N, C-alpha and C. Protein backbone atom coordinates (compact mmCIF):
# COMPACT_ATOMS: atom_id res chain seq x y z
N UNK A 1 -17.44 -20.17 18.25
CA UNK A 1 -15.86 -18.27 19.05
C UNK A 1 -15.08 -18.41 17.24
N UNK A 2 -15.36 -17.35 17.65
CA UNK A 2 -14.34 -16.59 16.23
C UNK A 2 -12.94 -17.05 15.91
N UNK A 3 -13.15 -16.77 15.22
CA UNK A 3 -11.40 -17.02 14.53
C UNK A 3 -10.99 -15.92 14.38
N UNK A 4 -9.14 -16.04 14.81
CA UNK A 4 -8.43 -14.98 15.06
C UNK A 4 -8.60 -14.02 13.87
N UNK A 5 -8.79 -14.61 12.35
CA UNK A 5 -9.75 -13.80 11.72
C UNK A 5 -10.44 -12.86 11.82
N UNK A 6 -11.28 -13.59 12.08
CA UNK A 6 -12.88 -12.46 12.16
C UNK A 6 -12.02 -11.98 13.30
N UNK A 7 -11.47 -11.78 14.39
CA UNK A 7 -11.95 -10.98 15.84
C UNK A 7 -10.42 -9.85 14.72
N UNK A 8 -9.63 -9.94 13.87
CA UNK A 8 -8.57 -9.10 13.15
C UNK A 8 -10.04 -8.35 12.23
N UNK A 9 -10.63 -8.70 12.16
CA UNK A 9 -11.46 -7.79 10.36
C UNK A 9 -12.92 -7.21 11.40
N UNK A 10 -13.02 -7.27 13.07
CA UNK A 10 -13.73 -6.40 13.77
C UNK A 10 -12.89 -5.49 13.70
N UNK A 11 -11.91 -5.45 14.18
CA UNK A 11 -10.66 -3.85 14.62
C UNK A 11 -10.44 -3.08 13.62
N UNK A 12 -10.73 -3.80 12.74
CA UNK A 12 -10.14 -3.15 11.77
C UNK A 12 -11.14 -1.62 11.39
N UNK A 13 -11.07 -0.12 10.86
CA UNK A 13 -11.39 0.19 12.25
C UNK A 13 -11.33 1.97 9.84
N UNK A 14 -11.65 1.29 9.08
CA UNK A 14 -11.34 2.82 8.20
C UNK A 14 -10.82 3.96 8.44
N UNK A 15 -12.22 4.28 10.06
CA UNK A 15 -12.36 5.96 9.37
C UNK A 15 -11.08 6.55 10.38
N UNK A 16 -10.23 5.44 10.84
CA UNK A 16 -8.67 6.15 11.04
C UNK A 16 -7.69 6.47 10.02
N UNK A 17 -7.93 5.79 9.16
CA UNK A 17 -7.30 4.24 7.93
C UNK A 17 -7.18 6.14 7.57
N UNK A 18 -8.80 7.00 7.12
CA UNK A 18 -8.49 8.22 6.27
C UNK A 18 -8.43 9.79 7.11
N UNK A 19 -7.74 9.78 8.04
CA UNK A 19 -6.85 9.98 9.27
C UNK A 19 -5.99 9.62 9.03
N UNK A 20 -4.83 8.71 8.57
CA UNK A 20 -3.44 9.11 9.04
C UNK A 20 -3.10 9.18 7.41
N UNK A 21 -2.76 10.19 7.15
CA UNK A 21 -2.47 11.20 6.08
C UNK A 21 -1.20 10.19 5.97
N UNK A 22 0.03 10.84 6.82
CA UNK A 22 1.53 10.43 6.56
C UNK A 22 1.39 9.28 5.98
N UNK A 23 0.32 8.38 6.45
CA UNK A 23 0.45 7.03 6.29
C UNK A 23 0.31 6.64 4.75
N UNK A 24 -0.85 7.66 4.38
CA UNK A 24 -1.39 6.81 2.28
C UNK A 24 -0.10 8.06 1.80
N UNK A 25 0.84 8.84 2.81
CA UNK A 25 1.75 9.35 1.54
C UNK A 25 2.17 8.40 1.24
N UNK A 26 3.15 7.96 2.61
CA UNK A 26 3.98 6.60 2.17
C UNK A 26 3.22 5.75 1.65
N UNK A 27 2.28 5.10 1.70
CA UNK A 27 1.63 4.12 0.33
C UNK A 27 1.31 4.93 -0.72
N UNK A 28 0.95 5.78 -1.07
CA UNK A 28 1.11 6.14 -2.97
C UNK A 28 2.54 6.36 -3.05
N UNK A 29 3.83 7.06 -2.53
CA UNK A 29 4.63 7.22 -2.64
C UNK A 29 5.81 6.21 -3.09
N UNK A 30 5.26 4.84 -2.68
CA UNK A 30 5.89 3.29 -2.80
C UNK A 30 5.06 2.66 -3.89
N UNK A 31 3.30 3.07 -3.97
CA UNK A 31 2.95 2.34 -5.24
C UNK A 31 3.18 3.41 -6.48
N UNK A 32 3.58 5.01 -6.57
CA UNK A 32 4.35 5.31 -7.47
C UNK A 32 6.08 4.42 -7.87
N UNK A 33 6.10 4.37 -6.97
CA UNK A 33 8.02 3.67 -6.94
C UNK A 33 8.16 2.62 -7.44
N UNK A 34 6.89 1.48 -7.52
CA UNK A 34 6.74 0.45 -7.88
C UNK A 34 6.14 0.23 -9.63
N UNK A 35 5.31 1.61 -10.05
CA UNK A 35 4.66 1.56 -10.34
C UNK A 35 6.31 2.37 -12.39
N UNK A 36 6.45 3.44 -11.58
CA UNK A 36 7.42 4.12 -11.43
C UNK A 36 9.01 2.55 -12.59
N UNK A 37 9.51 1.92 -11.59
CA UNK A 37 10.48 0.85 -11.71
C UNK A 37 9.88 0.22 -12.27
N UNK A 38 8.01 -0.94 -12.24
CA UNK A 38 8.37 -1.48 -13.45
C UNK A 38 7.70 -0.56 -15.65
N UNK A 39 7.90 0.41 -14.81
CA UNK A 39 7.78 0.70 -16.29
C UNK A 39 9.46 0.91 -16.94
N UNK A 40 9.79 1.06 -16.70
CA UNK A 40 11.59 1.66 -16.46
C UNK A 40 12.27 0.00 -17.38
N UNK A 41 11.38 -1.54 -16.82
CA UNK A 41 12.03 -2.43 -16.77
C UNK A 41 11.56 -2.54 -18.31
N UNK A 42 11.29 -1.50 -19.08
CA UNK A 42 10.91 -1.66 -20.81
C UNK A 42 11.77 -0.48 -21.31
N UNK A 43 11.69 -0.37 -20.81
CA UNK A 43 12.92 0.99 -21.30
C UNK A 43 14.46 -0.02 -22.14
N UNK A 44 14.72 0.14 -22.95
CA UNK A 44 16.47 -0.52 -23.04
C UNK A 44 17.45 0.44 -23.31
N UNK A 45 18.85 0.01 -22.17
CA UNK A 45 19.03 0.76 -21.93
C UNK A 45 21.09 0.13 -23.03
N UNK A 46 21.58 0.98 -23.68
CA UNK A 46 22.69 0.48 -24.26
C UNK A 46 24.06 0.50 -23.21
N UNK A 47 24.18 0.06 -24.16
CA UNK A 47 25.51 -1.25 -23.12
C UNK A 47 25.71 -2.83 -22.59
């Protein structure tokens, strides 16, 4: 009997992810925003 994780992994379709352009745009935007935020923490602000 397969575990829940094995069943979930067998249902993953990476071909469908390549077609999901809106999802990829949102993921790249989120990663970019996190990078900008993390880099911004190193810039000292007066006051």
